[in-house]
Amino acid sequence: MPGLMKAFVTIYEPNDDAHPSLPTLREFLAKNTDPESGLVSYALLGPRLTIDPAPLLQLPPEYLEYRVGPGASFVTDEALALSRSRPHDQTA
Protein backbone atom coordinates (compact mmCIF):
# COMPACT_ATOMS: atom_id res chain seq x y z
CA MET A 1 0.00 0.00 0.00
CA PRO A 2 1.75 3.21 -1.13
CA GLY A 3 1.85 6.21 1.13
CA LEU A 4 3.96 8.57 3.17
CA MET A 5 5.80 7.67 6.35
CA LYS A 6 6.91 10.46 8.66
CA ALA A 7 9.41 10.20 11.48
CA PHE A 8 9.04 12.18 14.70
CA VAL A 9 10.50 12.41 18.18
CA THR A 10 8.35 13.02 21.27
CA ILE A 11 10.19 14.95 23.97
CA TYR A 12 8.98 14.37 27.52
CA GLU A 13 9.43 17.30 29.88
CA PRO A 14 10.35 16.65 33.54
CA ASN A 15 6.72 16.61 34.77
CA ASP A 16 5.61 14.20 32.02
CA ASP A 17 5.29 10.51 32.81
CA ALA A 18 8.12 9.24 30.59
CA HIS A 19 9.17 5.65 31.01
CA PRO A 20 12.66 5.45 32.58
CA SER A 21 13.82 3.07 29.83
CA LEU A 22 13.50 5.85 27.23
CA PRO A 23 16.78 7.51 26.29
CA THR A 24 17.53 11.14 26.93
CA LEU A 25 17.73 13.39 23.90
CA ARG A 26 21.53 13.44 24.34
CA GLU A 27 21.66 9.60 24.32
CA PHE A 28 19.28 9.34 21.37
CA LEU A 29 21.33 11.78 19.28
CA ALA A 30 24.64 10.15 20.23
CA LYS A 31 23.38 6.67 19.32
CA ASN A 32 21.52 7.54 16.11
CA THR A 33 23.45 10.37 14.43
CA ASP A 34 25.43 9.39 11.36
CA PRO A 35 28.87 11.01 11.73
CA GLU A 36 29.26 11.46 7.97
CA SER A 37 25.88 12.97 7.07
CA GLY A 38 24.93 14.44 10.45
CA LEU A 39 21.42 13.03 10.03
CA VAL A 40 19.57 11.03 12.69
CA SER A 41 18.39 7.61 11.57
CA TYR A 42 16.42 4.92 13.43
CA ALA A 43 14.22 1.90 12.70
CA LEU A 44 10.74 1.31 14.13
CA LEU A 45 9.06 -1.93 13.11
CA GLY A 46 9.80 -1.29 9.46
CA PRO A 47 12.04 0.79 7.26
CA ARG A 48 14.85 2.91 8.65
CA LEU A 49 13.68 6.52 9.08
CA THR A 50 15.93 9.55 8.78
CA ILE A 51 15.41 13.07 10.13
CA ASP A 52 17.36 16.29 10.16
CA PRO A 53 18.33 16.94 13.80
CA ALA A 54 18.59 20.73 13.34
CA PRO A 55 15.29 21.53 15.13
CA LEU A 56 16.28 19.28 18.05
CA LEU A 57 19.68 20.93 18.34
CA GLN A 58 18.06 24.38 18.56
CA LEU A 59 16.22 23.47 21.77
CA PRO A 60 17.50 24.91 25.08
CA PRO A 61 20.44 22.88 26.47
CA GLU A 62 18.40 21.41 29.35
CA TYR A 63 16.32 19.49 26.78
CA LEU A 64 19.32 17.21 26.17
CA GLU A 65 18.51 15.60 29.54
CA TYR A 66 14.80 15.09 28.79
CA ARG A 67 13.62 11.62 27.79
CA VAL A 68 12.53 11.06 24.20
CA GLY A 69 10.46 8.53 22.34
CA PRO A 70 11.05 8.14 18.61
CA GLY A 71 7.98 7.42 16.53
CA ALA A 72 6.52 7.26 13.06
CA SER A 73 3.19 7.75 11.34
CA PHE A 74 1.92 6.45 8.02
CA VAL A 75 -0.74 7.90 5.73
CA THR A 76 -1.83 6.18 2.51
CA ASP A 77 -1.64 8.02 -0.81
CA GLU A 78 -5.41 7.64 -1.07
CA ALA A 79 -6.00 9.41 2.26
CA LEU A 80 -3.54 12.16 1.33
CA ALA A 81 -5.30 12.76 -2.00
CA LEU A 82 -8.69 12.84 -0.29
CA SER A 83 -7.52 15.34 2.34
CA ARG A 84 -5.98 17.58 -0.33
CA SER A 85 -9.20 17.59 -2.38
CA ARG A 86 -11.32 18.99 0.47
CA PRO A 87 -11.52 22.63 1.54
CA HIS A 88 -9.47 23.13 4.71
CA ASP A 89 -12.51 23.94 6.88
CA GLN A 90 -14.32 20.65 6.10
CA THR A 91 -13.93 17.42 8.02
CA ALA A 92 -14.94 13.87 7.14
C-alpha atoms as a PDB file:
ATOM      1  CA  MET A   1       0.000   0.000   0.000  1.00  0.00           C
ATOM      2  CA  PRO A   2       1.750   3.206  -1.127  1.00  0.00           C
ATOM      3  CA  GLY A   3       1.850   6.211   1.128  1.00  0.00           C
ATOM      4  CA  LEU A   4       3.959   8.574   3.169  1.00  0.00           C
ATOM      5  CA  MET A   5       5.800   7.670   6.349  1.00  0.00           C
ATOM      6  CA  LYS A   6       6.913  10.456   8.658  1.00  0.00           C
ATOM      7  CA  ALA A   7       9.414  10.196  11.482  1.00  0.00           C
ATOM      8  CA  PHE A   8       9.037  12.182  14.696  1.00  0.00           C
ATOM      9  CA  VAL A   9      10.501  12.413  18.181  1.00  0.00           C
ATOM     10  CA  THR A  10       8.351  13.015  21.265  1.00  0.00           C
ATOM     11  CA  ILE A  11      10.191  14.953  23.970  1.00  0.00           C
ATOM     12  CA  TYR A  12       8.979  14.371  27.521  1.00  0.00           C
ATOM     13  CA  GLU A  13       9.428  17.303  29.881  1.00  0.00           C
ATOM     14  CA  PRO A  14      10.348  16.650  33.544  1.00  0.00           C
ATOM     15  CA  ASN A  15       6.717  16.614  34.769  1.00  0.00           C
ATOM     16  CA  ASP A  16       5.609  14.196  32.022  1.00  0.00           C
ATOM     17  CA  ASP A  17       5.288  10.514  32.810  1.00  0.00           C
ATOM     18  CA  ALA A  18       8.118   9.240  30.585  1.00  0.00           C
ATOM     19  CA  HIS A  19       9.173   5.648  31.010  1.00  0.00           C
ATOM     20  CA  PRO A  20      12.657   5.447  32.580  1.00  0.00           C
ATOM     21  CA  SER A  21      13.820   3.072  29.834  1.00  0.00           C
ATOM     22  CA  LEU A  22      13.505   5.847  27.233  1.00  0.00           C
ATOM     23  CA  PRO A  23      16.784   7.507  26.286  1.00  0.00           C
ATOM     24  CA  THR A  24      17.526  11.144  26.931  1.00  0.00           C
ATOM     25  CA  LEU A  25      17.732  13.395  23.898  1.00  0.00           C
ATOM     26  CA  ARG A  26      21.527  13.435  24.340  1.00  0.00           C
ATOM     27  CA  GLU A  27      21.665   9.604  24.322  1.00  0.00           C
ATOM     28  CA  PHE A  28      19.280   9.342  21.366  1.00  0.00           C
ATOM     29  CA  LEU A  29      21.325  11.783  19.278  1.00  0.00           C
ATOM     30  CA  ALA A  30      24.642  10.149  20.234  1.00  0.00           C
ATOM     31  CA  LYS A  31      23.381   6.672  19.321  1.00  0.00           C
ATOM     32  CA  ASN A  32      21.519   7.544  16.108  1.00  0.00           C
ATOM     33  CA  THR A  33      23.447  10.372  14.427  1.00  0.00           C
ATOM     34  CA  ASP A  34      25.435   9.387  11.358  1.00  0.00           C
ATOM     35  CA  PRO A  35      28.875  11.015  11.732  1.00  0.00           C
ATOM     36  CA  GLU A  36      29.258  11.463   7.971  1.00  0.00           C
ATOM     37  CA  SER A  37      25.879  12.971   7.068  1.00  0.00           C
ATOM     38  CA  GLY A  38      24.935  14.435  10.450  1.00  0.00           C
ATOM     39  CA  LEU A  39      21.415  13.026  10.027  1.00  0.00           C
ATOM     40  CA  VAL A  40      19.574  11.032  12.687  1.00  0.00           C
ATOM     41  CA  SER A  41      18.385   7.609  11.571  1.00  0.00           C
ATOM     42  CA  TYR A  42      16.417   4.925  13.435  1.00  0.00           C
ATOM     43  CA  ALA A  43      14.225   1.903  12.702  1.00  0.00           C
ATOM     44  CA  LEU A  44      10.740   1.311  14.126  1.00  0.00           C
ATOM     45  CA  LEU A  45       9.062  -1.935  13.107  1.00  0.00           C
ATOM     46  CA  GLY A  46       9.802  -1.294   9.458  1.00  0.00           C
ATOM     47  CA  PRO A  47      12.041   0.793   7.264  1.00  0.00           C
ATOM     48  CA  ARG A  48      14.849   2.911   8.655  1.00  0.00           C
ATOM     49  CA  LEU A  49      13.682   6.522   9.077  1.00  0.00           C
ATOM     50  CA  THR A  50      15.933   9.550   8.783  1.00  0.00           C
ATOM     51  CA  ILE A  51      15.410  13.065  10.131  1.00  0.00           C
ATOM     52  CA  ASP A  52      17.364  16.293  10.162  1.00  0.00           C
ATOM     53  CA  PRO A  53      18.327  16.936  13.799  1.00  0.00           C
ATOM     54  CA  ALA A  54      18.594  20.727  13.341  1.00  0.00           C
ATOM     55  CA  PRO A  55      15.292  21.534  15.133  1.00  0.00           C
ATOM     56  CA  LEU A  56      16.282  19.278  18.053  1.00  0.00           C
ATOM     57  CA  LEU A  57      19.683  20.930  18.338  1.00  0.00           C
ATOM     58  CA  GLN A  58      18.056  24.379  18.558  1.00  0.00           C
ATOM     59  CA  LEU A  59      16.219  23.474  21.773  1.00  0.00           C
ATOM     60  CA  PRO A  60      17.498  24.910  25.078  1.00  0.00           C
ATOM     61  CA  PRO A  61      20.443  22.876  26.465  1.00  0.00           C
ATOM     62  CA  GLU A  62      18.396  21.415  29.346  1.00  0.00           C
ATOM     63  CA  TYR A  63      16.318  19.486  26.783  1.00  0.00           C
ATOM     64  CA  LEU A  64      19.319  17.213  26.171  1.00  0.00           C
ATOM     65  CA  GLU A  65      18.514  15.595  29.540  1.00  0.00           C
ATOM     66  CA  TYR A  66      14.799  15.092  28.792  1.00  0.00           C
ATOM     67  CA  ARG A  67      13.618  11.623  27.794  1.00  0.00           C
ATOM     68  CA  VAL A  68      12.532  11.065  24.200  1.00  0.00           C
ATOM     69  CA  GLY A  69      10.456   8.531  22.338  1.00  0.00           C
ATOM     70  CA  PRO A  70      11.054   8.141  18.615  1.00  0.00           C
ATOM     71  CA  GLY A  71       7.983   7.423  16.527  1.00  0.00           C
ATOM     72  CA  ALA A  72       6.517   7.262  13.061  1.00  0.00           C
ATOM     73  CA  SER A  73       3.195   7.749  11.343  1.00  0.00           C
ATOM     74  CA  PHE A  74       1.923   6.447   8.017  1.00  0.00           C
ATOM     75  CA  VAL A  75      -0.741   7.898   5.731  1.00  0.00           C
ATOM     76  CA  THR A  76      -1.830   6.180   2.513  1.00  0.00           C
ATOM     77  CA  ASP A  77      -1.636   8.021  -0.805  1.00  0.00           C
ATOM     78  CA  GLU A  78      -5.409   7.639  -1.071  1.00  0.00           C
ATOM     79  CA  ALA A  79      -5.999   9.406   2.259  1.00  0.00           C
ATOM     80  CA  LEU A  80      -3.541  12.158   1.328  1.00  0.00           C
ATOM     81  CA  ALA A  81      -5.296  12.757  -2.003  1.00  0.00           C
ATOM     82  CA  LEU A  82      -8.686  12.842  -0.285  1.00  0.00           C
ATOM     83  CA  SER A  83      -7.524  15.343   2.340  1.00  0.00           C
ATOM     84  CA  ARG A  84      -5.985  17.582  -0.328  1.00  0.00           C
ATOM     85  CA  SER A  85      -9.197  17.589  -2.383  1.00  0.00           C
ATOM     86  CA  ARG A  86     -11.320  18.992   0.472  1.00  0.00           C
ATOM     87  CA  PRO A  87     -11.522  22.628   1.536  1.00  0.00           C
ATOM     88  CA  HIS A  88      -9.475  23.135   4.706  1.00  0.00           C
ATOM     89  CA  ASP A  89     -12.511  23.939   6.884  1.00  0.00           C
ATOM     90  CA  GLN A  90     -14.321  20.646   6.103  1.00  0.00           C
ATOM     91  CA  THR A  91     -13.930  17.422   8.017  1.00  0.00           C
ATOM     92  CA  ALA A  92     -14.937  13.867   7.141  1.00  0.00           C
END
